[in-house]
Amino acid sequence: MMYRKRYRKVRVSRDTTRQNSRLIMEAFLGRSLSRQEVVHHENEDCRDDRPENLSILSHPEHTRLHLCGRPLSEEHRQRIGIGVRRARMRKVLPSFDQALSALTYLVCVFAAYWMLSGCGLERM
């Protein structure tokens, strides 16, 4: 059985839920977090919401932390495959030309981000 990541959520009003880790960091810091701040779990266990396991990062920092020089784990590959199969069953995947166009765009954006963020400059 594959472990499925589920962040704990807390109902803060009748129709609003918030991630438990964000609420814990807000209480720990004594201020509200902005939308640009991401709560990162140091040990990558999304259920471990101890303050010493949490840190605040910007979206680019968080992306860089998870993408630079790290191959995807087998579990992550399986989760991606399951998501693709589900999308195909629901027939929400785009046509081949649309997918190729979107993929080309994403590769260009990622390459630009990679170069601007400094990822990979050490390897040149």
PDB file of N, CA and C in Angstrom:
ATOM      1  N   MET A   1       0.837  -1.185   0.000  1.00  0.00           N
ATOM      2  CA  MET A   1       0.000   0.000   0.000  1.00  0.00           C
ATOM      3  C   MET A   1       0.879   1.245   0.000  1.00  0.00           C
ATOM      4  N   MET A   2       0.564   2.177  -0.862  1.00  0.00           N
ATOM      5  CA  MET A   2       1.371   3.374  -0.989  1.00  0.00           C
ATOM      6  C   MET A   2       0.887   4.449  -0.017  1.00  0.00           C
ATOM      7  N   TYR A   3       1.830   5.115   0.655  1.00  0.00           N
ATOM      8  CA  TYR A   3       1.492   6.184   1.584  1.00  0.00           C
ATOM      9  C   TYR A   3       1.037   7.403   0.791  1.00  0.00           C
ATOM     10  N   ARG A   4      -0.075   7.985   1.188  1.00  0.00           N
ATOM     11  CA  ARG A   4      -0.597   9.149   0.508  1.00  0.00           C
ATOM     12  C   ARG A   4      -0.425  10.370   1.402  1.00  0.00           C
ATOM     13  N   LYS A   5       0.209  11.418   0.858  1.00  0.00           N
ATOM     14  CA  LYS A   5       0.443  12.622   1.630  1.00  0.00           C
ATOM     15  C   LYS A   5      -0.865  13.340   1.895  1.00  0.00           C
ATOM     16  N   ARG A   6      -1.131  13.612   3.138  1.00  0.00           N
ATOM     17  CA  ARG A   6      -2.322  14.377   3.513  1.00  0.00           C
ATOM     18  C   ARG A   6      -1.931  15.353   4.619  1.00  0.00           C
ATOM     19  N   TYR A   7      -2.024  16.618   4.305  1.00  0.00           N
ATOM     20  CA  TYR A   7      -1.760  17.628   5.321  1.00  0.00           C
ATOM     21  C   TYR A   7      -2.972  17.737   6.232  1.00  0.00           C
ATOM     22  N   ARG A   8      -2.729  17.869   7.516  1.00  0.00           N
ATOM     23  CA  ARG A   8      -3.831  18.013   8.462  1.00  0.00           C
ATOM     24  C   ARG A   8      -4.464  19.383   8.275  1.00  0.00           C
ATOM     25  N   LYS A   9      -5.775  19.399   8.280  1.00  0.00           N
ATOM     26  CA  LYS A   9      -6.504  20.657   8.138  1.00  0.00           C
ATOM     27  C   LYS A   9      -7.393  20.858   9.351  1.00  0.00           C
ATOM     28  N   VAL A  10      -7.616  22.129   9.675  1.00  0.00           N
ATOM     29  CA  VAL A  10      -8.438  22.505  10.816  1.00  0.00           C
ATOM     30  C   VAL A  10      -9.542  23.433  10.310  1.00  0.00           C
ATOM     31  N   ARG A  11     -10.756  23.169  10.730  1.00  0.00           N
ATOM     32  CA  ARG A  11     -11.865  24.042  10.355  1.00  0.00           C
ATOM     33  C   ARG A  11     -11.819  25.270  11.263  1.00  0.00           C
ATOM     34  N   VAL A  12     -11.660  26.457  10.654  1.00  0.00           N
ATOM     35  CA  VAL A  12     -11.581  27.689  11.438  1.00  0.00           C
ATOM     36  C   VAL A  12     -12.890  28.477  11.410  1.00  0.00           C
ATOM     37  N   SER A  13     -13.745  28.161  10.471  1.00  0.00           N
ATOM     38  CA  SER A  13     -15.093  28.731  10.448  1.00  0.00           C
ATOM     39  C   SER A  13     -15.996  27.733   9.732  1.00  0.00           C
ATOM     40  N   ARG A  14     -17.227  28.110   9.558  1.00  0.00           N
ATOM     41  CA  ARG A  14     -18.192  27.169   8.979  1.00  0.00           C
ATOM     42  C   ARG A  14     -17.749  26.629   7.616  1.00  0.00           C
ATOM     43  N   ASP A  15     -17.191  27.490   6.781  1.00  0.00           N
ATOM     44  CA  ASP A  15     -16.819  27.063   5.436  1.00  0.00           C
ATOM     45  C   ASP A  15     -15.351  27.317   5.098  1.00  0.00           C
ATOM     46  N   THR A  16     -14.496  27.416   6.119  1.00  0.00           N
ATOM     47  CA  THR A  16     -13.078  27.661   5.880  1.00  0.00           C
ATOM     48  C   THR A  16     -12.228  26.660   6.664  1.00  0.00           C
ATOM     49  N   THR A  17     -11.278  26.049   5.954  1.00  0.00           N
ATOM     50  CA  THR A  17     -10.296  25.190   6.615  1.00  0.00           C
ATOM     51  C   THR A  17      -8.911  25.757   6.344  1.00  0.00           C
ATOM     52  N   ARG A  18      -7.986  25.491   7.256  1.00  0.00           N
ATOM     53  CA  ARG A  18      -6.596  25.935   7.109  1.00  0.00           C
ATOM     54  C   ARG A  18      -5.689  24.767   7.417  1.00  0.00           C
ATOM     55  N   GLN A  19      -4.500  24.778   6.834  1.00  0.00           N
ATOM     56  CA  GLN A  19      -3.524  23.736   7.143  1.00  0.00           C
ATOM     57  C   GLN A  19      -3.032  23.926   8.579  1.00  0.00           C
ATOM     58  N   ASN A  20      -2.995  22.835   9.309  1.00  0.00           N
ATOM     59  CA  ASN A  20      -2.565  22.851  10.699  1.00  0.00           C
ATOM     60  C   ASN A  20      -1.152  23.410  10.839  1.00  0.00           C
ATOM     61  N   SER A  21      -0.260  23.066   9.935  1.00  0.00           N
ATOM     62  CA  SER A  21       1.128  23.529  10.021  1.00  0.00           C
ATOM     63  C   SER A  21       1.213  25.053   9.921  1.00  0.00           C
ATOM     64  N   ARG A  22       0.364  25.667   9.095  1.00  0.00           N
ATOM     65  CA  ARG A  22       0.359  27.131   8.987  1.00  0.00           C
ATOM     66  C   ARG A  22      -0.129  27.771  10.286  1.00  0.00           C
ATOM     67  N   LEU A  23      -1.171  27.180  10.882  1.00  0.00           N
ATOM     68  CA  LEU A  23      -1.687  27.716  12.145  1.00  0.00           C
ATOM     69  C   LEU A  23      -0.641  27.608  13.253  1.00  0.00           C
ATOM     70  N   ILE A  24       0.080  26.494  13.284  1.00  0.00           N
ATOM     71  CA  ILE A  24       1.114  26.304  14.311  1.00  0.00           C
ATOM     72  C   ILE A  24       2.232  27.326  14.136  1.00  0.00           C
ATOM     73  N   MET A  25       2.673  27.556  12.893  1.00  0.00           N
ATOM     74  CA  MET A  25       3.739  28.538  12.657  1.00  0.00           C
ATOM     75  C   MET A  25       3.269  29.953  12.980  1.00  0.00           C
ATOM     76  N   GLU A  26       2.018  30.269  12.673  1.00  0.00           N
ATOM     77  CA  GLU A  26       1.496  31.595  13.007  1.00  0.00           C
ATOM     78  C   GLU A  26       1.491  31.799  14.519  1.00  0.00           C
ATOM     79  N   ALA A  27       1.068  30.784  15.275  1.00  0.00           N
ATOM     80  CA  ALA A  27       1.069  30.881  16.735  1.00  0.00           C
ATOM     81  C   ALA A  27       2.500  30.979  17.263  1.00  0.00           C
ATOM     82  N   PHE A  28       3.423  30.208  16.676  1.00  0.00           N
ATOM     83  CA  PHE A  28       4.822  30.188  17.111  1.00  0.00           C
ATOM     84  C   PHE A  28       5.485  31.548  16.859  1.00  0.00           C
ATOM     85  N   LEU A  29       5.205  32.149  15.678  1.00  0.00           N
ATOM     86  CA  LEU A  29       5.818  33.436  15.320  1.00  0.00           C
ATOM     87  C   LEU A  29       5.064  34.630  15.900  1.00  0.00           C
ATOM     88  N   GLY A  30       3.799  34.413  16.265  1.00  0.00           N
ATOM     89  CA  GLY A  30       3.001  35.507  16.804  1.00  0.00           C
ATOM     90  C   GLY A  30       2.505  36.471  15.743  1.00  0.00           C
ATOM     91  N   ARG A  31       2.396  36.020  14.509  1.00  0.00           N
ATOM     92  CA  ARG A  31       1.893  36.858  13.411  1.00  0.00           C
ATOM     93  C   ARG A  31       1.261  35.971  12.352  1.00  0.00           C
ATOM     94  N   SER A  32       0.498  36.582  11.459  1.00  0.00           N
ATOM     95  CA  SER A  32      -0.091  35.832  10.353  1.00  0.00           C
ATOM     96  C   SER A  32       0.944  35.624   9.258  1.00  0.00           C
ATOM     97  N   LEU A  33       0.828  34.534   8.550  1.00  0.00           N
ATOM     98  CA  LEU A  33       1.712  34.274   7.413  1.00  0.00           C
ATOM     99  C   LEU A  33       1.105  34.881   6.154  1.00  0.00           C
ATOM    100  N   SER A  34       1.950  35.405   5.302  1.00  0.00           N
ATOM    101  CA  SER A  34       1.458  35.947   4.035  1.00  0.00           C
ATOM    102  C   SER A  34       1.283  34.807   3.037  1.00  0.00           C
ATOM    103  N   ARG A  35       0.605  35.091   1.945  1.00  0.00           N
ATOM    104  CA  ARG A  35       0.403  34.068   0.914  1.00  0.00           C
ATOM    105  C   ARG A  35       1.722  33.671   0.247  1.00  0.00           C
ATOM    106  N   GLN A  36       2.726  34.548   0.319  1.00  0.00           N
ATOM    107  CA  GLN A  36       4.021  34.264  -0.301  1.00  0.00           C
ATOM    108  C   GLN A  36       4.901  33.367   0.568  1.00  0.00           C
ATOM    109  N   GLU A  37       4.472  33.075   1.780  1.00  0.00           N
ATOM    110  CA  GLU A  37       5.258  32.245   2.684  1.00  0.00           C
ATOM    111  C   GLU A  37       4.736  30.811   2.673  1.00  0.00           C
ATOM    112  N   VAL A  38       5.664  29.862   2.561  1.00  0.00           N
ATOM    113  CA  VAL A  38       5.340  28.436   2.528  1.00  0.00           C
ATOM    114  C   VAL A  38       5.891  27.802   3.799  1.00  0.00           C
ATOM    115  N   VAL A  39       5.099  26.957   4.433  1.00  0.00           N
ATOM    116  CA  VAL A  39       5.580  26.209   5.595  1.00  0.00           C
ATOM    117  C   VAL A  39       6.187  24.909   5.082  1.00  0.00           C
ATOM    118  N   HIS A  40       7.473  24.731   5.345  1.00  0.00           N
ATOM    119  CA  HIS A  40       8.203  23.541   4.885  1.00  0.00           C
ATOM    120  C   HIS A  40       8.418  22.599   6.062  1.00  0.00           C
ATOM    121  N   HIS A  41       8.167  21.322   5.852  1.00  0.00           N
ATOM    122  CA  HIS A  41       8.439  20.287   6.855  1.00  0.00           C
ATOM    123  C   HIS A  41       9.859  19.777   6.627  1.00  0.00           C
ATOM    124  N   GLU A  42      10.746  20.029   7.581  1.00  0.00           N
ATOM    125  CA  GLU A  42      12.167  19.684   7.431  1.00  0.00           C
ATOM    126  C   GLU A  42      12.378  18.197   7.158  1.00  0.00           C
ATOM    127  N   ASN A  43      11.637  17.328   7.834  1.00  0.00           N
ATOM    128  CA  ASN A  43      11.817  15.886   7.620  1.00  0.00           C
ATOM    129  C   ASN A  43      10.886  15.349   6.537  1.00  0.00           C
ATOM    130  N   GLU A  44      10.181  16.246   5.840  1.00  0.00           N
ATOM    131  CA  GLU A  44       9.290  15.927   4.723  1.00  0.00           C
ATOM    132  C   GLU A  44       8.123  15.022   5.105  1.00  0.00           C
ATOM    133  N   ASP A  45       7.821  14.956   6.396  1.00  0.00           N
ATOM    134  CA  ASP A  45       6.645  14.218   6.870  1.00  0.00           C
ATOM    135  C   ASP A  45       5.554  15.255   7.123  1.00  0.00           C
ATOM    136  N   CYS A  46       4.566  15.299   6.234  1.00  0.00           N
ATOM    137  CA  CYS A  46       3.545  16.351   6.306  1.00  0.00           C
ATOM    138  C   CYS A  46       2.651  16.214   7.527  1.00  0.00           C
ATOM    139  N   ARG A  47       2.724  15.110   8.233  1.00  0.00           N
ATOM    140  CA  ARG A  47       1.908  14.923   9.437  1.00  0.00           C
ATOM    141  C   ARG A  47       2.656  15.346  10.710  1.00  0.00           C
ATOM    142  N   ASP A  48       3.947  15.632  10.600  1.00  0.00           N
ATOM    143  CA  ASP A  48       4.775  16.018  11.746  1.00  0.00           C
ATOM    144  C   ASP A  48       4.778  17.545  11.867  1.00  0.00           C
ATOM    145  N   ASP A  49       3.852  18.089  12.652  1.00  0.00           N
ATOM    146  CA  ASP A  49       3.685  19.533  12.745  1.00  0.00           C
ATOM    147  C   ASP A  49       4.343  20.146  13.983  1.00  0.00           C
ATOM    148  N   ARG A  50       5.397  19.510  14.491  1.00  0.00           N
ATOM    149  CA  ARG A  50       6.126  20.096  15.617  1.00  0.00           C
ATOM    150  C   ARG A  50       6.818  21.372  15.136  1.00  0.00           C
ATOM    151  N   PRO A  51       6.816  22.453  15.928  1.00  0.00           N
ATOM    152  CA  PRO A  51       7.450  23.708  15.489  1.00  0.00           C
ATOM    153  C   PRO A  51       8.916  23.540  15.087  1.00  0.00           C
ATOM    154  N   GLU A  52       9.645  22.652  15.751  1.00  0.00           N
ATOM    155  CA  GLU A  52      11.062  22.462  15.393  1.00  0.00           C
ATOM    156  C   GLU A  52      11.233  21.757  14.048  1.00  0.00           C
ATOM    157  N   ASN A  53      10.166  21.176  13.522  1.00  0.00           N
ATOM    158  CA  ASN A  53      10.227  20.522  12.219  1.00  0.00           C
ATOM    159  C   ASN A  53       9.751  21.453  11.099  1.00  0.00           C
ATOM    160  N   LEU A  54       9.252  22.623  11.457  1.00  0.00           N
ATOM    161  CA  LEU A  54       8.686  23.535  10.460  1.00  0.00           C
ATOM    162  C   LEU A  54       9.607  24.720  10.226  1.00  0.00           C
ATOM    163  N   SER A  55       9.638  25.193   8.987  1.00  0.00           N
ATOM    164  CA  SER A  55      10.367  26.417   8.660  1.00  0.00           C
ATOM    165  C   SER A  55       9.568  27.184   7.616  1.00  0.00           C
ATOM    166  N   ILE A  56       9.839  28.479   7.515  1.00  0.00           N
ATOM    167  CA  ILE A  56       9.141  29.351   6.568  1.00  0.00           C
ATOM    168  C   ILE A  56      10.068  29.624   5.398  1.00  0.00           C
ATOM    169  N   LEU A  57       9.566  29.411   4.186  1.00  0.00           N
ATOM    170  CA  LEU A  57      10.317  29.683   2.965  1.00  0.00           C
ATOM    171  C   LEU A  57       9.434  30.447   1.990  1.00  0.00           C
ATOM    172  N   SER A  58      10.060  31.128   1.045  1.00  0.00           N
ATOM    173  CA  SER A  58       9.295  31.730  -0.051  1.00  0.00           C
ATOM    174  C   SER A  58       8.994  30.623  -1.060  1.00  0.00           C
ATOM    175  N   HIS A  59       8.068  30.873  -1.969  1.00  0.00           N
ATOM    176  CA  HIS A  59       7.749  29.856  -2.977  1.00  0.00           C
ATOM    177  C   HIS A  59       8.984  29.471  -3.808  1.00  0.00           C
ATOM    178  N   PRO A  60       9.783  30.446  -4.309  1.00  0.00           N
ATOM    179  CA  PRO A  60      10.982  30.056  -5.078  1.00  0.00           C
ATOM    180  C   PRO A  60      11.980  29.247  -4.255  1.00  0.00           C
ATOM    181  N   GLU A  61      12.179  29.636  -2.987  1.00  0.00           N
ATOM    182  CA  GLU A  61      13.106  28.886  -2.122  1.00  0.00           C
ATOM    183  C   GLU A  61      12.610  27.451  -1.930  1.00  0.00           C
ATOM    184  N   HIS A  62      11.304  27.304  -1.710  1.00  0.00           N
ATOM    185  CA  HIS A  62      10.735  25.977  -1.478  1.00  0.00           C
ATOM    186  C   HIS A  62      10.857  25.109  -2.733  1.00  0.00           C
ATOM    187  N   THR A  63      10.592  25.693  -3.888  1.00  0.00           N
ATOM    188  CA  THR A  63      10.725  24.959  -5.149  1.00  0.00           C
ATOM    189  C   THR A  63      12.172  24.549  -5.367  1.00  0.00           C
ATOM    190  N   ARG A  64      13.087  25.474  -5.150  1.00  0.00           N
ATOM    191  CA  ARG A  64      14.510  25.184  -5.337  1.00  0.00           C
ATOM    192  C   ARG A  64      14.959  24.067  -4.402  1.00  0.00           C
ATOM    193  N   LEU A  65      14.490  24.106  -3.158  1.00  0.00           N
ATOM    194  CA  LEU A  65      14.861  23.088  -2.172  1.00  0.00           C
ATOM    195  C   LEU A  65      14.442  21.696  -2.631  1.00  0.00           C
ATOM    196  N   HIS A  66      13.244  21.593  -3.207  1.00  0.00           N
ATOM    197  CA  HIS A  66      12.726  20.288  -3.592  1.00  0.00           C
ATOM    198  C   HIS A  66      13.176  19.826  -4.975  1.00  0.00           C
ATOM    199  N   LEU A  67      13.608  20.754  -5.837  1.00  0.00           N
ATOM    200  CA  LEU A  67      13.932  20.357  -7.208  1.00  0.00           C
ATOM    201  C   LEU A  67      15.414  20.278  -7.531  1.00  0.00           C
ATOM    202  N   CYS A  68      16.242  21.097  -6.924  1.00  0.00           N
ATOM    203  CA  CYS A  68      17.654  21.166  -7.323  1.00  0.00           C
ATOM    204  C   CYS A  68      18.427  19.899  -6.976  1.00  0.00           C
ATOM    205  N   GLY A  69      18.827  19.195  -7.996  1.00  0.00           N
ATOM    206  CA  GLY A  69      19.710  18.062  -7.824  1.00  0.00           C
ATOM    207  C   GLY A  69      19.119  16.851  -7.134  1.00  0.00           C
ATOM    208  N   ARG A  70      17.809  16.770  -7.041  1.00  0.00           N
ATOM    209  CA  ARG A  70      17.197  15.633  -6.359  1.00  0.00           C
ATOM    210  C   ARG A  70      16.398  14.806  -7.344  1.00  0.00           C
ATOM    211  N   PRO A  71      16.780  13.561  -7.523  1.00  0.00           N
ATOM    212  CA  PRO A  71      15.961  12.699  -8.385  1.00  0.00           C
ATOM    213  C   PRO A  71      14.652  12.357  -7.701  1.00  0.00           C
ATOM    214  N   LEU A  72      13.629  12.074  -8.503  1.00  0.00           N
ATOM    215  CA  LEU A  72      12.338  11.684  -7.948  1.00  0.00           C
ATOM    216  C   LEU A  72      12.430  10.292  -7.336  1.00  0.00           C
ATOM    217  N   SER A  73      11.815  10.109  -6.193  1.00  0.00           N
ATOM    218  CA  SER A  73      11.783   8.791  -5.565  1.00  0.00           C
ATOM    219  C   SER A  73      10.822   7.892  -6.334  1.00  0.00           C
ATOM    220  N   GLU A  74      10.940   6.606  -6.127  1.00  0.00           N
ATOM    221  CA  GLU A  74      10.039   5.653  -6.795  1.00  0.00           C
ATOM    222  C   GLU A  74       8.593   5.905  -6.370  1.00  0.00           C
ATOM    223  N   GLU A  75       8.393   6.226  -5.096  1.00  0.00           N
ATOM    224  CA  GLU A  75       7.040   6.513  -4.608  1.00  0.00           C
ATOM    225  C   GLU A  75       6.450   7.736  -5.325  1.00  0.00           C
ATOM    226  N   HIS A  76       7.291   8.777  -5.513  1.00  0.00           N
ATOM    227  CA  HIS A  76       6.827   9.980  -6.198  1.00  0.00           C
ATOM    228  C   HIS A  76       6.477   9.659  -7.657  1.00  0.00           C
ATOM    229  N   ARG A  77       7.298   8.849  -8.309  1.00  0.00           N
ATOM    230  CA  ARG A  77       7.004   8.450  -9.697  1.00  0.00           C
ATOM    231  C   ARG A  77       5.672   7.704  -9.772  1.00  0.00           C
ATOM    232  N   GLN A  78       5.422   6.838  -8.803  1.00  0.00           N
ATOM    233  CA  GLN A  78       4.160   6.085  -8.784  1.00  0.00           C
ATOM    234  C   GLN A  78       2.974   7.026  -8.603  1.00  0.00           C
ATOM    235  N   ARG A  79       3.122   8.015  -7.697  1.00  0.00           N
ATOM    236  CA  ARG A  79       2.028   8.964  -7.480  1.00  0.00           C
ATOM    237  C   ARG A  79       1.748   9.774  -8.739  1.00  0.00           C
ATOM    238  N   ILE A  80       2.794  10.187  -9.447  1.00  0.00           N
ATOM    239  CA  ILE A  80       2.609  10.924 -10.699  1.00  0.00           C
ATOM    240  C   ILE A  80       1.892  10.041 -11.714  1.00  0.00           C
ATOM    241  N   GLY A  81       2.317   8.780 -11.820  1.00  0.00           N
ATOM    242  CA  GLY A  81       1.678   7.847 -12.755  1.00  0.00           C
ATOM    243  C   GLY A  81       0.213   7.628 -12.442  1.00  0.00           C
ATOM    244  N   ILE A  82      -0.120   7.507 -11.168  1.00  0.00           N
ATOM    245  CA  ILE A  82      -1.522   7.325 -10.767  1.00  0.00           C
ATOM    246  C   ILE A  82      -2.342   8.547 -11.165  1.00  0.00           C
ATOM    247  N   GLY A  83      -1.792   9.738 -10.943  1.00  0.00           N
ATOM    248  CA  GLY A  83      -2.503  10.965 -11.311  1.00  0.00           C
ATOM    249  C   GLY A  83      -2.738  11.062 -12.799  1.00  0.00           C
ATOM    250  N   VAL A  84      -1.737  10.666 -13.602  1.00  0.00           N
ATOM    251  CA  VAL A  84      -1.887  10.693 -15.060  1.00  0.00           C
ATOM    252  C   VAL A  84      -2.942   9.691 -15.507  1.00  0.00           C
ATOM    253  N   ARG A  85      -2.913   8.481 -14.925  1.00  0.00           N
ATOM    254  CA  ARG A  85      -3.917   7.475 -15.302  1.00  0.00           C
ATOM    255  C   ARG A  85      -5.325   7.930 -14.948  1.00  0.00           C
ATOM    256  N   ARG A  86      -5.487   8.549 -13.775  1.00  0.00           N
ATOM    257  CA  ARG A  86      -6.810   9.046 -13.386  1.00  0.00           C
ATOM    258  C   ARG A  86      -7.281  10.137 -14.342  1.00  0.00           C
ATOM    259  N   ALA A  87      -6.362  11.031 -14.720  1.00  0.00           N
ATOM    260  CA  ALA A  87      -6.728  12.108 -15.641  1.00  0.00           C
ATOM    261  C   ALA A  87      -7.144  11.536 -16.995  1.00  0.00           C
ATOM    262  N   ARG A  88      -6.443  10.501 -17.440  1.00  0.00           N
ATOM    263  CA  ARG A  88      -6.817   9.869 -18.718  1.00  0.00           C
ATOM    264  C   ARG A  88      -8.191   9.228 -18.630  1.00  0.00           C
ATOM    265  N   MET A  89      -8.487   8.586 -17.498  1.00  0.00           N
ATOM    266  CA  MET A  89      -9.800   7.961 -17.325  1.00  0.00           C
ATOM    267  C   MET A  89     -10.907   9.014 -17.329  1.00  0.00           C
ATOM    268  N   ARG A  90     -10.626  10.191 -16.767  1.00  0.00           N
ATOM    269  CA  ARG A  90     -11.630  11.263 -16.760  1.00  0.00           C
ATOM    270  C   ARG A  90     -11.626  12.034 -18.071  1.00  0.00           C
ATOM    271  N   LYS A  91     -10.655  11.721 -18.933  1.00  0.00           N
ATOM    272  CA  LYS A  91     -10.507  12.374 -20.240  1.00  0.00           C
ATOM    273  C   LYS A  91     -10.321  13.880 -20.097  1.00  0.00           C
ATOM    274  N   VAL A  92      -9.487  14.260 -19.135  1.00  0.00           N
ATOM    275  CA  VAL A  92      -9.215  15.678 -18.965  1.00  0.00           C
ATOM    276  C   VAL A  92      -7.833  16.052 -19.496  1.00  0.00           C
ATOM    277  N   LEU A  93      -7.119  15.081 -20.038  1.00  0.00           N
ATOM    278  CA  LEU A  93      -5.819  15.400 -20.598  1.00  0.00           C
ATOM    279  C   LEU A  93      -6.004  16.105 -21.938  1.00  0.00           C
ATOM    280  N   PRO A  94      -5.156  17.054 -22.254  1.00  0.00           N
ATOM    281  CA  PRO A  94      -5.285  17.782 -23.519  1.00  0.00           C
ATOM    282  C   PRO A  94      -4.862  16.912 -24.706  1.00  0.00           C
ATOM    283  N   SER A  95      -5.122  17.419 -25.899  1.00  0.00           N
ATOM    284  CA  SER A  95      -4.679  16.716 -27.101  1.00  0.00           C
ATOM    285  C   SER A  95      -3.156  16.705 -27.131  1.00  0.00           C
ATOM    286  N   PHE A  96      -2.593  15.909 -28.011  1.00  0.00           N
ATOM    287  CA  PHE A  96      -1.138  15.795 -28.089  1.00  0.00           C
ATOM    288  C   PHE A  96      -0.506  17.144 -28.424  1.00  0.00           C
ATOM    289  N   ASP A  97      -1.076  17.883 -29.398  1.00  0.00           N
ATOM    290  CA  ASP A  97      -0.508  19.178 -29.785  1.00  0.00           C
ATOM    291  C   ASP A  97      -0.570  20.180 -28.627  1.00  0.00           C
ATOM    292  N   GLN A  98      -1.683  20.188 -27.891  1.00  0.00           N
ATOM    293  CA  GLN A  98      -1.799  21.086 -26.748  1.00  0.00           C
ATOM    294  C   GLN A  98      -0.795  20.707 -25.665  1.00  0.00           C
ATOM    295  N   ALA A  99      -0.662  19.413 -25.424  1.00  0.00           N
ATOM    296  CA  ALA A  99       0.275  18.949 -24.399  1.00  0.00           C
ATOM    297  C   ALA A  99       1.712  19.284 -24.784  1.00  0.00           C
ATOM    298  N   LEU A 100       2.067  19.092 -26.054  1.00  0.00           N
ATOM    299  CA  LEU A 100       3.421  19.383 -26.515  1.00  0.00           C
ATOM    300  C   LEU A 100       3.709  20.875 -26.405  1.00  0.00           C
ATOM    301  N   SER A 101       2.751  21.697 -26.769  1.00  0.00           N
ATOM    302  CA  SER A 101       2.908  23.143 -26.669  1.00  0.00           C
ATOM    303  C   SER A 101       3.093  23.564 -25.215  1.00  0.00           C
ATOM    304  N   ALA A 102       2.267  23.031 -24.319  1.00  0.00           N
ATOM    305  CA  ALA A 102       2.363  23.365 -22.899  1.00  0.00           C
ATOM    306  C   ALA A 102       3.681  22.872 -22.309  1.00  0.00           C
ATOM    307  N   LEU A 103       4.094  21.675 -22.703  1.00  0.00           N
ATOM    308  CA  LEU A 103       5.354  21.117 -22.197  1.00  0.00           C
ATOM    309  C   LEU A 103       6.538  21.957 -22.661  1.00  0.00           C
ATOM    310  N   THR A 104       6.533  22.383 -23.916  1.00  0.00           N
ATOM    311  CA  THR A 104       7.606  23.232 -24.434  1.00  0.00           C
ATOM    312  C   THR A 104       7.685  24.529 -23.642  1.00  0.00           C
ATOM    313  N   TYR A 105       6.530  25.125 -23.385  1.00  0.00           N
ATOM    314  CA  TYR A 105       6.483  26.355 -22.603  1.00  0.00           C
ATOM    315  C   TYR A 105       7.039  26.124 -21.197  1.00  0.00           C
ATOM    316  N   LEU A 106       6.598  25.050 -20.544  1.00  0.00           N
ATOM    317  CA  LEU A 106       7.058  24.770 -19.182  1.00  0.00           C
ATOM    318  C   LEU A 106       8.560  24.515 -19.123  1.00  0.00           C
ATOM    319  N   VAL A 107       9.095  23.820 -20.120  1.00  0.00           N
ATOM    320  CA  VAL A 107      10.539  23.565 -20.156  1.00  0.00           C
ATOM    321  C   VAL A 107      11.295  24.878 -20.270  1.00  0.00           C
ATOM    322  N   CYS A 108      10.801  25.781 -21.117  1.00  0.00           N
ATOM    323  CA  CYS A 108      11.458  27.078 -21.270  1.00  0.00           C
ATOM    324  C   CYS A 108      11.395  27.891 -19.979  1.00  0.00           C
ATOM    325  N   VAL A 109      10.238  27.903 -19.344  1.00  0.00           N
ATOM    326  CA  VAL A 109      10.089  28.640 -18.084  1.00  0.00           C
ATOM    327  C   VAL A 109      10.983  28.033 -17.014  1.00  0.00           C
ATOM    328  N   PHE A 110      10.994  26.711 -16.914  1.00  0.00           N
ATOM    329  CA  PHE A 110      11.811  26.055 -15.906  1.00  0.00           C
ATOM    330  C   PHE A 110      13.292  26.309 -16.155  1.00  0.00           C
ATOM    331  N   ALA A 111      13.714  26.261 -17.413  1.00  0.00           N
ATOM    332  CA  ALA A 111      15.125  26.510 -17.735  1.00  0.00           C
ATOM    333  C   ALA A 111      15.516  27.930 -17.351  1.00  0.00           C
ATOM    334  N   ALA A 112      14.638  28.894 -17.643  1.00  0.00           N
ATOM    335  CA  ALA A 112      14.921  30.282 -17.281  1.00  0.00           C
ATOM    336  C   ALA A 112      14.997  30.426 -15.756  1.00  0.00           C
ATOM    337  N   TYR A 113      14.053  29.821 -15.064  1.00  0.00           N
ATOM    338  CA  TYR A 113      14.064  29.882 -13.605  1.00  0.00           C
ATOM    339  C   TYR A 113      15.325  29.228 -13.045  1.00  0.00           C
ATOM    340  N   TRP A 114      15.684  28.086 -13.603  1.00  0.00           N
ATOM    341  CA  TRP A 114      16.863  27.341 -13.160  1.00  0.00           C
ATOM    342  C   TRP A 114      18.111  28.210 -13.263  1.00  0.00           C
ATOM    343  N   MET A 115      18.247  28.899 -14.396  1.00  0.00           N
ATOM    344  CA  MET A 115      19.432  29.729 -14.599  1.00  0.00           C
ATOM    345  C   MET A 115      19.410  30.962 -13.689  1.00  0.00           C
ATOM    346  N   LEU A 116      18.243  31.583 -13.547  1.00  0.00           N
ATOM    347  CA  LEU A 116      18.156  32.785 -12.728  1.00  0.00           C
ATOM    348  C   LEU A 116      18.314  32.489 -11.241  1.00  0.00           C
ATOM    349  N   SER A 117      17.894  31.322 -10.816  1.00  0.00           N
ATOM    350  CA  SER A 117      17.936  30.994  -9.388  1.00  0.00           C
ATOM    351  C   SER A 117      19.317  30.519  -8.934  1.00  0.00           C
ATOM    352  N   GLY A 118      20.189  30.245  -9.876  1.00  0.00           N
ATOM    353  CA  GLY A 118      21.517  29.789  -9.503  1.00  0.00           C
ATOM    354  C   GLY A 118      21.639  28.285  -9.434  1.00  0.00           C
ATOM    355  N   CYS A 119      20.550  27.545  -9.616  1.00  0.00           N
ATOM    356  CA  CYS A 119      20.622  26.092  -9.615  1.00  0.00           C
ATOM    357  C   CYS A 119      21.390  25.658 -10.846  1.00  0.00           C
ATOM    358  N   GLY A 120      22.366  24.864 -10.662  1.00  0.00           N
ATOM    359  CA  GLY A 120      23.090  24.343 -11.813  1.00  0.00           C
ATOM    360  C   GLY A 120      24.308  25.149 -12.187  1.00  0.00           C
ATOM    361  N   LEU A 121      24.450  26.380 -11.688  1.00  0.00           N
ATOM    362  CA  LEU A 121      25.618  27.176 -12.039  1.00  0.00           C
ATOM    363  C   LEU A 121      26.890  26.552 -11.480  1.00  0.00           C
ATOM    364  N   GLU A 122      26.761  25.865 -10.334  1.00  0.00           N
ATOM    365  CA  GLU A 122      27.929  25.220  -9.740  1.00  0.00           C
ATOM    366  C   GLU A 122      28.389  24.035 -10.598  1.00  0.00           C
ATOM    367  N   ARG A 123      27.478  23.492 -11.372  1.00  0.00           N
ATOM    368  CA  ARG A 123      27.801  22.294 -12.166  1.00  0.00           C
ATOM    369  C   ARG A 123      28.454  22.632 -13.499  1.00  0.00           C
ATOM    370  N   MET A 124      28.442  23.926 -13.877  1.00  0.00           N
ATOM    371  CA  MET A 124      29.001  24.323 -15.185  1.00  0.00           C
ATOM    372  C   MET A 124      30.485  24.464 -15.121  1.00  0.00           C
TER     373      MET A 124
END
